[in-house]
Amino acid sequence: MEGKGSAIDTKGEFDNKLDEEIAMEAKEGNKRAQEYLINKYQNFVKSKSKSYFLIGADKEDIYQEGMIGLYKAIRDFRPDKLASFKAFAELCVTRQIITAIKTATRQKHIPLNTYVSLNKPIYEEESDRTLLDVLAGLKVTDPEELVISNEEMKHIEKEIGQVLSDLEMEVLMSYLDGKSYQEIACDLDRHAKSIDNALQRVKRKLEKCLNK
């Protein structure tokens, strides 16, 4: 009962403070401030973790990595470097998840294409159409509305491997890994237009496959 009451008190204690102020208190050792931020941002971390998939890993594993990123954000936040705690937290959470996934793929000798960020634009660099939109066949505006089972994701990953050529898969994975058209073209010794064409073929193939 005492723990429950403490949580209520913590909420009231920090309700009128900015997250940046609370983060500084937490950084200075205020455990109640840390608890408040963790409770406030855990749903944000959960939503963020849903955007990633790794074969052989449980959703909870990715969520826990995101929470580690949140802890690091609280520990390392500096208002003189970044004014918004939320923006810094998102950066730390995303970085932690991606680092963990890359480490896992290296340790297990798994190809990079076993994980994807579902919210990465896939068609044109200036487009807001994402791989998630293509795979799901709909526009998702709120990550919390999305629930994808492990079985569905395994099916999607299998379909991707079957319909894309080696070049298309390599281009797609490089793009999802954050590389620009120019960087991918340089890596593969091809023209940027060839990379653009490959990504457009990827989009058409995935949509055709998933609209069967």
Protein backbone atom coordinates (compact mmCIF):
# COMPACT_ATOMS: atom_id res chain seq x y z
CA MET A 1 0.00 0.00 0.00
CA GLU A 2 2.84 2.34 0.81
CA GLY A 3 4.36 1.95 -2.66
CA LYS A 4 1.06 2.77 -4.30
CA GLY A 5 0.63 5.92 -2.26
CA SER A 6 4.19 6.95 -3.04
CA ALA A 7 3.51 6.76 -6.76
CA ILE A 8 0.51 9.08 -6.37
CA ASP A 9 2.57 11.53 -4.33
CA THR A 10 5.32 11.47 -6.93
CA LYS A 11 2.87 12.36 -9.68
CA GLY A 12 1.54 15.32 -7.75
CA GLU A 13 5.00 16.45 -6.78
CA PHE A 14 6.18 16.91 -10.37
CA ASP A 15 2.97 17.73 -12.24
CA ASN A 16 3.72 21.45 -12.46
CA LYS A 17 7.36 21.09 -13.49
CA LEU A 18 8.86 20.84 -16.95
CA ASP A 19 10.37 17.51 -17.94
CA GLU A 20 13.70 19.25 -18.38
CA GLU A 21 13.64 20.40 -14.74
CA ILE A 22 12.63 16.94 -13.54
CA ALA A 23 15.39 15.35 -15.62
CA MET A 24 17.98 17.59 -13.97
CA GLU A 25 16.69 16.61 -10.52
CA ALA A 26 16.83 12.94 -11.50
CA LYS A 27 20.35 13.37 -12.81
CA GLU A 28 21.36 14.84 -9.45
CA GLY A 29 20.16 11.72 -7.67
CA ASN A 30 16.46 12.38 -6.98
CA LYS A 31 15.01 8.85 -7.25
CA ARG A 32 11.44 10.14 -7.19
CA ALA A 33 12.16 12.37 -10.17
CA GLN A 34 13.66 9.41 -12.01
CA GLU A 35 10.64 7.25 -11.19
CA TYR A 36 8.28 9.96 -12.45
CA LEU A 37 10.05 10.22 -15.83
CA ILE A 38 10.24 6.45 -16.24
CA ASN A 39 6.51 6.10 -15.54
CA LYS A 40 5.68 8.99 -17.85
CA TYR A 41 7.77 7.79 -20.80
CA GLN A 42 7.37 4.00 -20.61
CA ASN A 43 4.40 4.02 -23.01
CA PHE A 44 6.43 6.17 -25.39
CA VAL A 45 9.22 3.57 -25.26
CA LYS A 46 6.71 0.78 -25.83
CA SER A 47 5.36 2.52 -28.93
CA LYS A 48 8.86 3.14 -30.22
CA SER A 49 9.90 -0.49 -29.69
CA LYS A 50 6.92 -1.70 -31.76
CA SER A 51 8.55 -0.12 -34.81
CA TYR A 52 11.38 -2.66 -34.79
CA PHE A 53 11.52 -6.38 -35.39
CA LEU A 54 14.34 -8.87 -34.98
CA ILE A 55 14.09 -12.56 -35.80
CA GLY A 56 14.69 -14.65 -32.70
CA ALA A 57 14.02 -11.80 -30.29
CA ASP A 58 10.92 -11.23 -28.21
CA LYS A 59 9.11 -7.89 -28.36
CA GLU A 60 9.83 -7.53 -24.66
CA ASP A 61 13.58 -7.73 -25.38
CA ILE A 62 13.40 -4.74 -27.69
CA TYR A 63 11.20 -2.87 -25.20
CA GLN A 64 13.75 -3.48 -22.44
CA GLU A 65 16.51 -2.10 -24.65
CA GLY A 66 14.36 0.97 -25.18
CA MET A 67 13.99 1.38 -21.42
CA ILE A 68 17.78 1.21 -21.07
CA GLY A 69 17.91 4.05 -23.59
CA LEU A 70 15.47 6.02 -21.44
CA TYR A 71 17.66 5.51 -18.36
CA LYS A 72 20.64 6.77 -20.34
CA ALA A 73 18.64 9.82 -21.45
CA ILE A 74 17.90 10.69 -17.82
CA ARG A 75 21.53 10.12 -16.85
CA ASP A 76 23.07 12.09 -19.72
CA PHE A 77 20.56 14.89 -20.37
CA ARG A 78 22.14 18.33 -20.72
CA PRO A 79 19.78 21.27 -21.35
CA ASP A 80 22.67 23.33 -22.73
CA LYS A 81 23.10 20.76 -25.51
CA LEU A 82 19.46 19.93 -26.26
CA ALA A 83 16.58 21.99 -24.90
CA SER A 84 13.93 19.26 -25.13
CA PHE A 85 14.17 16.22 -22.87
CA LYS A 86 11.59 14.37 -24.96
CA ALA A 87 13.67 14.84 -28.12
CA PHE A 88 16.79 13.63 -26.31
CA ALA A 89 14.92 10.66 -24.86
CA GLU A 90 13.69 9.65 -28.32
CA LEU A 91 17.24 9.87 -29.66
CA CYS A 92 18.65 7.73 -26.82
CA VAL A 93 15.86 5.14 -27.02
CA THR A 94 16.19 4.76 -30.80
CA ARG A 95 19.98 4.59 -30.64
CA GLN A 96 19.89 1.94 -27.90
CA ILE A 97 17.43 -0.26 -29.80
CA ILE A 98 19.36 -0.05 -33.07
CA THR A 99 22.70 -0.68 -31.35
CA ALA A 100 21.29 -3.72 -29.54
CA ILE A 101 19.85 -5.14 -32.76
CA LYS A 102 23.08 -4.63 -34.69
CA THR A 103 25.06 -6.25 -31.87
CA ALA A 104 22.69 -9.24 -31.85
CA THR A 105 22.94 -9.70 -35.62
CA ARG A 106 26.74 -9.64 -35.47
CA GLN A 107 26.89 -12.11 -32.58
CA LYS A 108 24.52 -14.53 -34.27
CA HIS A 109 25.97 -13.93 -37.75
CA ILE A 110 22.52 -12.92 -38.91
CA PRO A 111 22.29 -10.83 -42.11
CA LEU A 112 21.33 -7.20 -41.62
CA ASN A 113 18.06 -7.81 -43.45
CA THR A 114 16.59 -9.69 -40.49
CA TYR A 115 15.59 -6.42 -38.89
CA VAL A 116 13.81 -3.38 -40.23
CA SER A 117 12.59 -0.05 -39.01
CA LEU A 118 8.96 -0.01 -40.04
CA ASN A 119 8.68 3.79 -39.88
CA LYS A 120 11.45 4.57 -42.39
CA PRO A 121 10.20 6.26 -45.62
CA ILE A 122 10.64 3.80 -48.45
CA TYR A 123 9.52 5.39 -51.73
CA GLU A 124 11.11 8.80 -52.09
CA GLU A 125 13.33 10.64 -49.66
CA GLU A 126 10.83 13.46 -49.36
CA SER A 127 7.86 11.12 -49.00
CA ASP A 128 6.22 10.28 -45.69
CA ARG A 129 5.11 6.86 -46.97
CA THR A 130 6.82 4.22 -44.89
CA LEU A 131 7.64 0.54 -45.16
CA LEU A 132 5.00 0.01 -42.51
CA ASP A 133 2.40 1.64 -44.76
CA VAL A 134 3.41 -0.58 -47.66
CA LEU A 135 3.44 -3.78 -45.62
CA ALA A 136 0.21 -3.09 -43.80
CA GLY A 137 -1.53 -1.56 -46.80
CA LEU A 138 -2.74 1.38 -44.72
CA LYS A 139 -1.62 4.71 -43.31
CA VAL A 140 -0.67 4.50 -39.65
CA THR A 141 -0.57 7.85 -37.88
CA ASP A 142 -0.39 6.60 -34.30
CA PRO A 143 2.14 3.86 -33.46
CA GLU A 144 -0.01 2.79 -30.51
CA GLU A 145 -2.72 1.72 -32.95
CA LEU A 146 -0.37 -0.84 -34.48
CA VAL A 147 -0.21 -4.36 -33.15
CA ILE A 148 1.76 -6.89 -35.21
CA SER A 149 2.20 -10.44 -33.96
CA ASN A 150 5.49 -12.30 -34.26
CA GLU A 151 3.79 -14.71 -36.69
CA GLU A 152 2.70 -11.85 -38.94
CA MET A 153 6.17 -10.34 -38.90
CA LYS A 154 7.78 -13.69 -39.76
CA HIS A 155 5.39 -14.02 -42.69
CA ILE A 156 6.21 -10.48 -43.84
CA GLU A 157 9.95 -11.10 -43.60
CA LYS A 158 9.58 -14.32 -45.59
CA GLU A 159 7.55 -12.57 -48.27
CA ILE A 160 10.16 -9.82 -48.57
CA GLY A 161 12.89 -12.40 -49.12
CA GLN A 162 10.88 -14.19 -51.81
CA VAL A 163 9.79 -11.24 -53.95
CA LEU A 164 12.91 -9.06 -53.94
CA SER A 165 16.08 -9.65 -55.94
CA ASP A 166 19.45 -9.62 -54.19
CA LEU A 167 20.10 -6.09 -55.43
CA GLU A 168 16.69 -4.84 -54.36
CA MET A 169 17.10 -6.38 -50.92
CA GLU A 170 20.56 -4.85 -50.54
CA VAL A 171 19.31 -1.43 -51.61
CA LEU A 172 16.30 -1.63 -49.30
CA MET A 173 18.32 -2.67 -46.26
CA SER A 174 20.92 0.04 -46.88
CA TYR A 175 18.16 2.62 -47.14
CA LEU A 176 16.44 1.38 -43.99
CA ASP A 177 19.82 1.60 -42.28
CA GLY A 178 19.75 5.35 -42.87
CA LYS A 179 21.91 5.68 -45.97
CA SER A 180 21.07 8.21 -48.69
CA TYR A 181 20.60 7.36 -52.36
CA GLN A 182 24.07 8.75 -53.03
CA GLU A 183 25.72 6.66 -50.29
CA ILE A 184 24.02 3.48 -51.47
CA ALA A 185 24.99 4.22 -55.08
CA CYS A 186 28.61 4.69 -54.00
CA ASP A 187 28.61 1.48 -51.94
CA LEU A 188 27.17 -0.57 -54.79
CA ASP A 189 29.03 1.27 -57.57
CA ARG A 190 25.80 2.28 -59.29
CA HIS A 191 24.11 5.51 -60.33
CA ALA A 192 21.75 7.19 -57.86
CA LYS A 193 18.95 6.87 -60.45
CA SER A 194 19.47 3.10 -60.42
CA ILE A 195 19.02 3.11 -56.65
CA ASP A 196 15.86 5.18 -56.94
CA ASN A 197 14.47 2.78 -59.55
CA ALA A 198 15.29 -0.20 -57.33
CA LEU A 199 13.42 1.30 -54.38
CA GLN A 200 10.41 2.00 -56.57
CA ARG A 201 10.45 -1.63 -57.75
CA VAL A 202 10.60 -2.69 -54.09
CA LYS A 203 7.51 -0.64 -53.33
CA ARG A 204 5.56 -2.05 -56.27
CA LYS A 205 6.56 -5.65 -55.54
CA LEU A 206 5.65 -5.44 -51.87
CA GLU A 207 2.31 -3.83 -52.56
CA LYS A 208 1.50 -6.41 -55.25
CA CYS A 209 2.56 -9.26 -52.97
CA LEU A 210 0.54 -8.07 -50.00
CA ASN A 211 -2.54 -7.21 -52.04
CA LYS A 212 -2.89 -10.75 -53.45
